Amino acid sequence: MNMRVYRLSAITLAMSACLSTHAWSGEATVDTKDVEQLRKELGELNNRYEAQSAALQALAQRLQQLESSGQGQARPMHAVNKKMVVADTDTTSGTSNERASASDANEPVIKEAPASRSAEAVYREQNALFNKTFTLEAGVSYSHTDRRQLTLEGFLALDAIFLGNINLDRIQSDITQFDLTGRYGVTDRLQFDLNLPFLYRASTYESGGAAGGSASTLSERDISNAGLGDVSAGAYYRIFPETPTTPDVVWNVRVKAPTGKDPYGIKLRTDPGNSNLVVPDDLPTGNGVWTLSSGLTFVKTIDPAILFANVSYAHNFTRKFDDISGQPNTRTSGEIDLGDAYQLGGGLAFALNERMSMSMSYAHRFTQKSRIKADGQSWTSVVGSDSSAGSLNFGVTYAMTDHLSMVANVGVGVTPDAPDVTVGMKFPYNF
């Protein structure tokens, strides 16, 4: 390309010199038609030179962008990434208007690059991907909780000898949950979803210190149950789309119905071989009340990372039950008022390549105390029903195909009220 430009420049200079020589010689024998022909050829050469210069400049810009893209190849993020597209032009035109059109056509045009699959999967996890399609997601998760408690009823004699009853309790709870979730983006700002959970619960109750002796035989009882959990539906609305300086702001509203087995009225029975061991007849699969929650989600792409945060509030509606007593052979009707909950969370995700990303997040949920009210009595608070559950989560998102993704997550409880460990895997399919 450079040699061609140099040749055009040399021809232009030679023609200019010839014209100048003829002009200054003042020879009367020069034909006017020859002069006009030379001027016409010179004009055409100048037009081609200008067009070639514009094309050369555009190619140089394109090369510089490609080199910059090669240096930052490890940054394939969301739609914030841009690419430069140079339009093809016709450089054979000789008029001034055509030259201007060719110059405009050679200007670089900025277009939005398609979002990487890994970034799309991260946005989908935050319910901030409004792509006007239907997504069906199948998932499975497992959580384990191990609680141990030592209860001493008595006093210390001589500051060294304990006199009284010793009760050693341990409860191990394992919950396996299967989820089927459907999401549909109505517009680029509105999305709905529906979640159907199925639970299998298994708990082991252990207690020692029967009859006040620490060396007594440990008693154990296993309880399990399976069934449909609480079905929920939600709507998500993008209030503000992401800009170079502000994040995506998504407002969500969610309703959860009490379709699972509620925990009220389940009888607690004492083990015949150990008066310290009390176990329930069954295990619940839901909380038994209607829940309305709302919150905000913030998502911002900062190449090569995606930052996200959320805040939400959940209100549990008061509901009356025919039986709220846990005593055998006793039936007491009354109302249940579960405590409301607040949740804060945030984290970040890194795109490792076009199809894989890693994420780290933290979530903390504060739950207020619950209250019960038996018929004919006043409201009383349930001791120990409030909680503060915090968990640290690590995840990997992999886009297996253009339609199917895999999301794996491991959560570790950092407070006593949170599950000790949670492992989950989801497979969203985008139709």
Protein backbone atom coordinates (compact mmCIF):
# COMPACT_ATOMS: atom_id res chain seq x y z
CA MET A 1 0.00 0.00 0.00
CA ASN A 2 2.85 2.45 0.83
CA MET A 3 4.61 1.77 -2.51
CA ARG A 4 1.41 2.43 -4.38
CA VAL A 5 0.94 5.75 -2.62
CA TYR A 6 4.54 6.72 -3.33
CA ARG A 7 4.08 5.91 -7.02
CA LEU A 8 0.97 8.05 -7.21
CA SER A 9 2.84 10.88 -5.48
CA ALA A 10 5.73 10.58 -7.97
CA ILE A 11 3.38 10.65 -10.95
CA THR A 12 1.60 13.66 -9.51
CA LEU A 13 4.89 15.55 -9.04
CA ALA A 14 6.04 14.63 -12.56
CA MET A 15 2.84 15.85 -14.13
CA SER A 16 3.02 19.06 -12.13
CA ALA A 17 6.58 19.62 -13.33
CA CYS A 18 5.57 19.07 -16.96
CA LEU A 19 2.74 21.54 -16.70
CA SER A 20 4.99 24.06 -15.02
CA THR A 21 7.64 23.68 -17.72
CA HIS A 22 5.12 24.19 -20.50
CA ALA A 23 3.64 27.15 -18.72
CA TRP A 24 6.93 28.92 -18.22
CA SER A 25 8.34 28.13 -21.68
CA GLY A 26 5.60 30.11 -23.34
CA GLU A 27 5.79 27.97 -26.47
CA ALA A 28 3.01 28.82 -28.83
CA THR A 29 3.10 25.40 -30.42
CA VAL A 30 1.54 23.70 -27.36
CA ASP A 31 -1.94 22.36 -28.11
CA THR A 32 -4.67 23.56 -25.76
CA LYS A 33 -6.31 20.12 -25.85
CA ASP A 34 -3.12 18.51 -24.54
CA VAL A 35 -3.02 20.92 -21.60
CA GLU A 36 -6.63 20.21 -20.71
CA GLN A 37 -6.03 16.46 -20.97
CA LEU A 38 -3.04 16.71 -18.66
CA ARG A 39 -5.00 18.77 -16.17
CA LYS A 40 -7.82 16.22 -16.23
CA GLU A 41 -5.41 13.33 -15.63
CA LEU A 42 -3.76 15.29 -12.82
CA GLY A 43 -7.14 15.89 -11.17
CA GLU A 44 -7.99 12.20 -11.37
CA LEU A 45 -4.65 11.27 -9.86
CA ASN A 46 -5.19 13.74 -7.02
CA ASN A 47 -8.64 12.28 -6.35
CA ARG A 48 -7.27 8.75 -6.24
CA TYR A 49 -4.41 9.85 -4.00
CA GLU A 50 -6.80 11.39 -1.50
CA ALA A 51 -9.04 8.32 -1.51
CA GLN A 52 -6.05 6.00 -1.06
CA SER A 53 -4.76 8.16 1.80
CA ALA A 54 -8.13 7.93 3.58
CA ALA A 55 -8.24 4.16 3.12
CA LEU A 56 -4.65 3.85 4.39
CA GLN A 57 -5.49 5.86 7.50
CA ALA A 58 -8.55 3.69 8.22
CA LEU A 59 -6.50 0.50 7.82
CA ALA A 60 -3.87 1.85 10.20
CA GLN A 61 -6.53 2.57 12.82
CA ARG A 62 -7.97 -0.90 12.35
CA LEU A 63 -4.52 -2.47 12.80
CA GLN A 64 -3.94 -0.49 15.99
CA GLN A 65 -7.29 -1.65 17.39
CA LEU A 66 -6.55 -5.27 16.56
CA GLU A 67 -3.18 -5.03 18.27
CA SER A 68 -4.80 -3.48 21.35
CA SER A 69 -7.45 -6.23 21.33
CA GLY A 70 -4.75 -8.87 21.19
CA GLN A 71 -3.02 -7.40 24.25
CA GLY A 72 -6.30 -7.38 26.22
CA GLN A 73 -7.65 -10.71 25.03
CA ALA A 74 -8.38 -11.84 28.57
CA ARG A 75 -11.17 -9.30 28.89
CA PRO A 76 -14.18 -10.64 26.99
CA MET A 77 -16.93 -9.10 29.07
CA HIS A 78 -20.49 -7.89 28.55
CA ALA A 79 -21.80 -5.36 26.08
CA VAL A 80 -19.39 -2.72 27.37
CA ASN A 81 -16.74 -4.24 25.10
CA LYS A 82 -16.71 -2.49 21.73
CA LYS A 83 -15.21 -3.29 18.34
CA MET A 84 -14.32 -1.02 15.44
CA VAL A 85 -15.79 -1.84 12.06
CA VAL A 86 -14.38 -0.13 8.95
CA ALA A 87 -16.79 0.11 6.01
CA ASP A 88 -15.64 -0.77 2.49
CA THR A 89 -15.51 2.20 0.10
CA ASP A 90 -15.28 2.84 -3.61
CA THR A 91 -12.13 4.88 -4.29
CA THR A 92 -12.57 5.19 -8.06
CA SER A 93 -14.81 8.24 -7.92
CA GLY A 94 -13.44 11.52 -9.20
CA THR A 95 -15.98 14.16 -8.15
CA SER A 96 -15.70 16.17 -4.96
CA ASN A 97 -19.05 14.85 -3.63
CA GLU A 98 -17.99 11.25 -4.18
CA ARG A 99 -14.67 11.94 -2.49
CA ALA A 100 -16.50 13.31 0.55
CA SER A 101 -18.76 10.23 0.63
CA ALA A 102 -15.74 7.95 0.41
CA SER A 103 -14.04 9.83 3.24
CA ASP A 104 -17.14 9.52 5.45
CA ALA A 105 -17.52 5.84 4.64
CA ASN A 106 -13.92 5.21 5.68
CA GLU A 107 -14.49 6.71 9.11
CA PRO A 108 -14.52 3.99 11.83
CA VAL A 109 -18.04 3.12 12.99
CA ILE A 110 -18.43 2.00 16.62
CA LYS A 111 -20.81 -0.93 17.07
CA GLU A 112 -21.68 -2.93 20.16
CA ALA A 113 -19.93 -6.29 20.35
CA PRO A 114 -22.02 -9.34 21.20
CA ALA A 115 -21.98 -10.22 24.91
CA SER A 116 -19.81 -13.16 25.90
CA ARG A 117 -21.57 -16.36 26.99
CA SER A 118 -19.92 -16.26 30.40
CA ALA A 119 -21.13 -12.70 31.03
CA GLU A 120 -24.66 -13.60 29.93
CA ALA A 121 -24.70 -16.49 32.42
CA VAL A 122 -23.59 -14.18 35.25
CA TYR A 123 -26.30 -11.65 34.37
CA ARG A 124 -28.87 -14.46 34.27
CA GLU A 125 -27.88 -15.52 37.79
CA GLN A 126 -28.57 -11.99 39.00
CA ASN A 127 -31.90 -11.90 37.13
CA ALA A 128 -30.62 -8.98 35.07
CA LEU A 129 -30.57 -10.62 31.63
CA PHE A 130 -33.57 -9.29 29.71
CA ASN A 131 -33.15 -11.02 26.36
CA LYS A 132 -36.81 -11.56 25.36
CA THR A 133 -36.48 -15.35 25.38
CA PHE A 134 -37.72 -18.26 27.48
CA THR A 135 -35.25 -19.99 29.79
CA LEU A 136 -35.88 -23.31 31.53
CA GLU A 137 -33.55 -24.06 34.43
CA ALA A 138 -33.15 -27.36 36.25
CA GLY A 139 -31.10 -27.36 39.45
CA VAL A 140 -30.18 -29.45 42.45
CA SER A 141 -28.68 -28.32 45.75
CA TYR A 142 -27.57 -30.00 48.96
CA SER A 143 -27.10 -28.36 52.35
CA HIS A 144 -25.79 -29.83 55.60
CA THR A 145 -26.24 -28.44 59.10
CA ASP A 146 -24.66 -29.85 62.25
CA ARG A 147 -25.70 -28.38 65.60
CA ARG A 148 -24.30 -29.49 68.93
CA GLN A 149 -25.37 -28.21 72.34
CA LEU A 150 -24.20 -28.94 75.85
CA THR A 151 -26.72 -28.22 78.61
CA LEU A 152 -25.73 -28.27 82.29
CA GLU A 153 -28.37 -28.12 85.00
CA GLY A 154 -26.76 -27.94 88.44
CA PHE A 155 -23.90 -26.20 90.23
CA LEU A 156 -20.15 -26.43 90.79
CA ALA A 157 -18.92 -27.80 94.10
CA LEU A 158 -15.48 -26.61 95.30
CA ASP A 159 -15.08 -24.84 91.94
CA ALA A 160 -14.21 -28.16 90.27
CA ILE A 161 -16.97 -30.74 90.70
CA PHE A 162 -20.23 -30.36 88.79
CA LEU A 163 -23.35 -31.64 90.52
CA GLY A 164 -26.51 -31.87 88.42
CA ASN A 165 -27.83 -33.04 85.06
CA ILE A 166 -25.75 -33.12 81.86
CA ASN A 167 -27.51 -33.08 78.51
CA LEU A 168 -25.56 -33.49 75.25
CA ASP A 169 -27.63 -32.79 72.13
CA ARG A 170 -26.73 -33.03 68.46
CA ILE A 171 -28.93 -32.45 65.41
CA GLN A 172 -27.72 -33.19 61.89
CA SER A 173 -29.91 -31.96 59.06
CA ASP A 174 -29.49 -32.74 55.36
CA ILE A 175 -31.70 -31.10 52.73
CA THR A 176 -31.62 -32.03 49.05
CA GLN A 177 -33.66 -29.73 46.87
CA PHE A 178 -34.59 -30.07 43.20
CA ASP A 179 -35.69 -26.88 41.46
CA LEU A 180 -37.43 -26.31 38.14
CA THR A 181 -37.51 -22.65 37.15
CA GLY A 182 -38.94 -20.97 34.07
CA ARG A 183 -38.03 -17.42 33.06
CA TYR A 184 -39.50 -15.34 30.27
CA GLY A 185 -38.35 -11.91 29.15
CA VAL A 186 -41.38 -10.01 27.90
CA THR A 187 -39.37 -6.95 26.89
CA ASP A 188 -35.83 -5.73 27.31
CA ARG A 189 -36.92 -4.32 30.70
CA LEU A 190 -39.52 -6.77 32.07
CA GLN A 191 -39.08 -10.43 33.05
CA PHE A 192 -41.18 -13.03 34.89
CA ASP A 193 -40.25 -16.35 36.48
CA LEU A 194 -41.84 -19.31 38.27
CA ASN A 195 -40.03 -21.68 40.65
CA LEU A 196 -41.15 -25.21 41.63
CA PRO A 197 -39.04 -26.76 44.44
CA PHE A 198 -39.07 -30.41 45.53
CA LEU A 199 -37.38 -31.26 48.85
CA TYR A 200 -36.02 -34.33 50.54
CA ARG A 201 -35.17 -33.79 54.21
CA ALA A 202 -33.37 -36.14 56.57
CA SER A 203 -32.49 -35.30 60.17
CA THR A 204 -30.65 -37.24 62.85
CA TYR A 205 -31.32 -36.43 66.51
CA GLU A 206 -28.83 -37.52 69.14
CA SER A 207 -28.86 -36.97 72.90
CA GLY A 208 -26.71 -38.21 75.76
CA GLY A 209 -26.70 -37.85 79.50
CA ALA A 210 -29.84 -39.88 80.13
CA ALA A 211 -30.88 -39.88 83.79
CA GLY A 212 -28.29 -37.17 84.52
CA GLY A 213 -25.22 -39.27 83.70
CA SER A 214 -22.67 -38.18 81.13
CA ALA A 215 -21.61 -41.77 80.48
CA SER A 216 -25.09 -42.97 79.61
CA THR A 217 -25.72 -44.59 76.26
CA LEU A 218 -26.26 -42.15 73.41
CA SER A 219 -29.73 -42.31 71.85
CA GLU A 220 -30.31 -41.64 68.14
CA ARG A 221 -33.37 -41.25 65.95
CA ASP A 222 -33.58 -40.65 62.15
CA ILE A 223 -36.50 -38.75 60.59
CA SER A 224 -37.01 -38.05 56.88
CA ASN A 225 -39.64 -36.59 54.57
CA ALA A 226 -40.02 -35.61 50.91
CA GLY A 227 -42.50 -33.45 49.05
CA LEU A 228 -43.27 -30.25 47.23
CA GLY A 229 -41.83 -27.08 48.72
CA ASP A 230 -43.21 -23.55 48.64
CA VAL A 231 -43.86 -22.45 45.04
CA SER A 232 -42.86 -18.87 44.21
CA ALA A 233 -43.29 -16.45 41.31
CA GLY A 234 -41.50 -13.19 40.64
CA ALA A 235 -41.35 -10.16 38.36
CA TYR A 236 -38.22 -8.16 37.52
CA TYR A 237 -38.18 -4.69 36.04
CA ARG A 238 -35.08 -2.86 34.86
CA ILE A 239 -35.45 0.65 36.21
CA PHE A 240 -32.20 2.02 34.83
CA PRO A 241 -30.07 0.30 32.17
CA GLU A 242 -26.32 0.20 32.57
CA THR A 243 -24.25 3.14 31.32
CA PRO A 244 -20.48 3.72 31.34
CA THR A 245 -20.81 5.33 34.80
CA THR A 246 -23.93 3.77 36.36
CA PRO A 247 -25.00 0.14 36.94
CA ASP A 248 -28.04 -1.82 35.88
CA VAL A 249 -30.75 -1.26 38.50
CA VAL A 250 -33.38 -4.00 38.64
CA TRP A 251 -36.42 -3.94 40.91
CA ASN A 252 -37.98 -7.28 41.82
CA VAL A 253 -41.20 -8.39 43.50
CA ARG A 254 -41.73 -11.99 44.56
CA VAL A 255 -44.62 -13.95 46.06
CA LYS A 256 -44.21 -17.34 47.76
CA ALA A 257 -47.22 -19.56 48.39
CA PRO A 258 -47.50 -22.06 51.28
CA THR A 259 -47.71 -25.16 49.06
CA GLY A 260 -45.27 -27.22 51.17
CA LYS A 261 -46.01 -29.08 54.39
CA ASP A 262 -46.10 -26.56 57.24
CA PRO A 263 -44.27 -27.18 60.55
CA TYR A 264 -47.21 -26.36 62.82
CA GLY A 265 -49.07 -29.09 64.63
CA ILE A 266 -46.24 -31.64 64.20
CA LYS A 267 -46.06 -33.55 67.50
CA LEU A 268 -42.84 -33.87 69.49
CA ARG A 269 -42.37 -37.16 71.33
CA THR A 270 -39.92 -38.25 74.01
CA ASP A 271 -37.74 -41.28 73.30
CA PRO A 272 -38.69 -44.17 75.63
CA GLY A 273 -35.04 -45.01 76.33
CA ASN A 274 -33.83 -41.47 76.94
CA SER A 275 -35.96 -38.75 78.46
CA ASN A 276 -33.53 -36.13 77.11
CA LEU A 277 -34.24 -37.04 73.47
CA VAL A 278 -37.29 -35.38 71.93
CA VAL A 279 -37.97 -35.91 68.22
CA PRO A 280 -40.76 -34.78 65.86
CA ASP A 281 -43.14 -37.14 64.11
CA ASP A 282 -42.45 -35.56 60.70
CA LEU A 283 -40.40 -32.86 58.97
CA PRO A 284 -41.83 -29.84 57.12
CA THR A 285 -41.08 -28.84 53.53
CA GLY A 286 -42.34 -25.23 53.77
CA ASN A 287 -42.95 -22.42 56.24
CA GLY A 288 -46.75 -22.50 55.97
CA VAL A 289 -47.42 -18.79 55.32
CA TRP A 290 -47.63 -16.41 52.38
CA THR A 291 -44.50 -14.33 51.83
CA LEU A 292 -44.11 -11.13 49.83
CA SER A 293 -40.60 -9.87 49.14
CA SER A 294 -39.14 -7.00 47.20
CA GLY A 295 -35.66 -5.72 46.53
CA LEU A 296 -33.15 -4.06 44.25
CA THR A 297 -30.28 -5.59 42.31
CA PHE A 298 -27.31 -3.61 40.99
CA VAL A 299 -25.05 -5.00 38.26
CA LYS A 300 -22.05 -3.13 36.79
CA THR A 301 -19.53 -4.29 34.22
CA ILE A 302 -16.00 -3.11 34.99
CA ASP A 303 -13.80 -4.86 32.47
CA PRO A 304 -12.72 -7.58 33.17
CA ALA A 305 -15.08 -7.98 36.15
CA ILE A 306 -18.81 -7.82 36.80
CA LEU A 307 -19.82 -6.34 40.16
CA PHE A 308 -23.24 -7.07 41.65
CA ALA A 309 -25.08 -6.26 44.85
CA ASN A 310 -28.61 -6.71 46.15
CA VAL A 311 -30.81 -5.71 49.02
CA SER A 312 -34.23 -7.18 49.80
CA TYR A 313 -37.00 -7.28 52.39
CA ALA A 314 -39.41 -10.18 52.96
CA HIS A 315 -42.70 -9.91 54.84
CA ASN A 316 -44.47 -13.00 56.16
CA PHE A 317 -48.23 -12.66 56.50
CA THR A 318 -49.99 -13.80 59.65
CA ARG A 319 -51.96 -16.99 59.19
CA LYS A 320 -54.29 -19.03 61.38
CA PHE A 321 -53.93 -22.79 61.79
CA ASP A 322 -56.20 -25.41 63.26
CA ASP A 323 -53.37 -26.82 65.36
CA ILE A 324 -50.18 -25.07 66.48
CA SER A 325 -49.34 -27.27 69.45
CA GLY A 326 -46.43 -29.68 69.52
CA GLN A 327 -47.72 -31.63 72.52
CA PRO A 328 -48.99 -35.18 71.82
CA ASN A 329 -52.72 -35.70 72.15
CA THR A 330 -53.24 -31.93 72.30
CA ARG A 331 -54.88 -29.76 69.65
CA THR A 332 -54.71 -25.98 69.91
CA SER A 333 -55.77 -23.58 67.20
CA GLY A 334 -54.08 -20.22 66.86
CA GLU A 335 -52.18 -17.75 64.69
CA ILE A 336 -48.54 -17.68 63.57
CA ASP A 337 -46.62 -14.52 62.77
CA LEU A 338 -43.19 -15.39 61.35
CA GLY A 339 -40.58 -12.70 61.68
CA ASP A 340 -39.77 -10.53 58.67
CA ALA A 341 -36.35 -10.83 57.05
CA TYR A 342 -33.80 -8.45 55.57
CA GLN A 343 -31.03 -9.57 53.25
CA LEU A 344 -27.89 -7.87 51.97
CA GLY A 345 -25.45 -9.32 49.51
CA GLY A 346 -22.78 -8.57 46.98
CA GLY A 347 -19.92 -10.00 45.01
CA LEU A 348 -17.99 -10.03 41.78
CA ALA A 349 -17.41 -12.31 38.81
CA PHE A 350 -14.39 -12.59 36.50
CA ALA A 351 -14.64 -13.79 32.92
CA LEU A 352 -11.78 -16.22 32.34
CA ASN A 353 -12.61 -16.56 28.66
CA GLU A 354 -15.54 -16.40 26.28
CA ARG A 355 -17.41 -19.27 27.96
CA MET A 356 -16.22 -19.51 31.58
CA SER A 357 -16.33 -17.17 34.55
CA MET A 358 -15.73 -17.43 38.29
CA SER A 359 -17.64 -15.60 41.00
CA MET A 360 -17.38 -14.88 44.70
CA SER A 361 -20.17 -13.39 46.81
CA TYR A 362 -21.37 -12.88 50.34
CA ALA A 363 -24.97 -12.84 51.58
CA HIS A 364 -26.33 -12.06 55.02
CA ARG A 365 -29.92 -12.54 56.15
CA PHE A 366 -31.40 -11.08 59.33
CA THR A 367 -34.65 -12.62 60.58
CA GLN A 368 -36.77 -11.11 63.33
CA LYS A 369 -38.43 -13.08 66.12
CA SER A 370 -41.59 -15.02 65.41
CA ARG A 371 -44.77 -14.79 67.47
CA ILE A 372 -47.59 -17.20 68.24
CA LYS A 373 -51.07 -16.57 69.54
CA ALA A 374 -53.32 -19.35 70.78
CA ASP A 375 -57.06 -18.71 70.66
CA GLY A 376 -58.11 -16.65 73.65
CA GLN A 377 -54.54 -15.66 74.54
CA SER A 378 -52.20 -12.79 73.71
CA TRP A 379 -49.21 -12.77 71.39
CA THR A 380 -46.00 -14.30 72.74
CA SER A 381 -42.53 -14.24 71.16
CA VAL A 382 -40.79 -17.51 70.37
CA VAL A 383 -37.45 -17.59 72.15
CA GLY A 384 -34.54 -18.24 69.78
CA SER A 385 -36.58 -17.73 66.60
CA ASP A 386 -34.52 -14.73 65.44
CA SER A 387 -31.40 -15.42 63.42
CA SER A 388 -28.43 -13.88 61.65
CA ALA A 389 -27.25 -16.12 58.82
CA GLY A 390 -24.22 -15.22 56.72
CA SER A 391 -22.66 -17.32 53.98
CA LEU A 392 -19.68 -17.00 51.65
CA ASN A 393 -20.26 -18.39 48.17
CA PHE A 394 -17.91 -19.44 45.37
CA GLY A 395 -19.21 -20.25 41.91
CA VAL A 396 -18.17 -21.26 38.40
CA THR A 397 -20.28 -20.53 35.33
CA TYR A 398 -19.61 -22.35 32.07
CA ALA A 399 -21.48 -21.84 28.79
CA MET A 400 -21.56 -25.38 27.40
CA THR A 401 -23.27 -24.33 24.16
CA ASP A 402 -24.91 -21.21 22.80
CA HIS A 403 -28.12 -22.27 24.60
CA LEU A 404 -27.05 -24.40 27.58
CA SER A 405 -25.01 -23.26 30.59
CA MET A 406 -23.82 -24.87 33.80
CA VAL A 407 -23.61 -23.01 37.11
CA ALA A 408 -21.84 -24.67 40.06
CA ASN A 409 -21.78 -23.11 43.51
CA VAL A 410 -20.33 -23.89 46.93
CA GLY A 411 -21.44 -21.95 50.01
CA VAL A 412 -19.84 -21.92 53.45
CA GLY A 413 -21.71 -20.68 56.51
CA VAL A 414 -19.86 -18.07 58.54
CA THR A 415 -22.43 -17.68 61.33
CA PRO A 416 -24.02 -20.39 63.52
CA ASP A 417 -27.48 -19.80 62.04
CA ALA A 418 -26.37 -20.51 58.47
CA PRO A 419 -25.99 -24.01 56.96
CA ASP A 420 -22.48 -25.36 57.41
CA VAL A 421 -22.07 -26.11 53.72
CA THR A 422 -24.21 -25.80 50.60
CA VAL A 423 -23.41 -27.31 47.21
CA GLY A 424 -25.51 -26.63 44.14
CA MET A 425 -25.59 -27.03 40.38
CA LYS A 426 -27.93 -25.48 37.81
CA PHE A 427 -28.43 -26.03 34.10
CA PRO A 428 -30.29 -23.12 32.43
CA TYR A 429 -31.34 -23.70 28.82
CA ASN A 430 -32.13 -20.68 26.72
CA PHE A 431 -34.66 -21.33 23.93
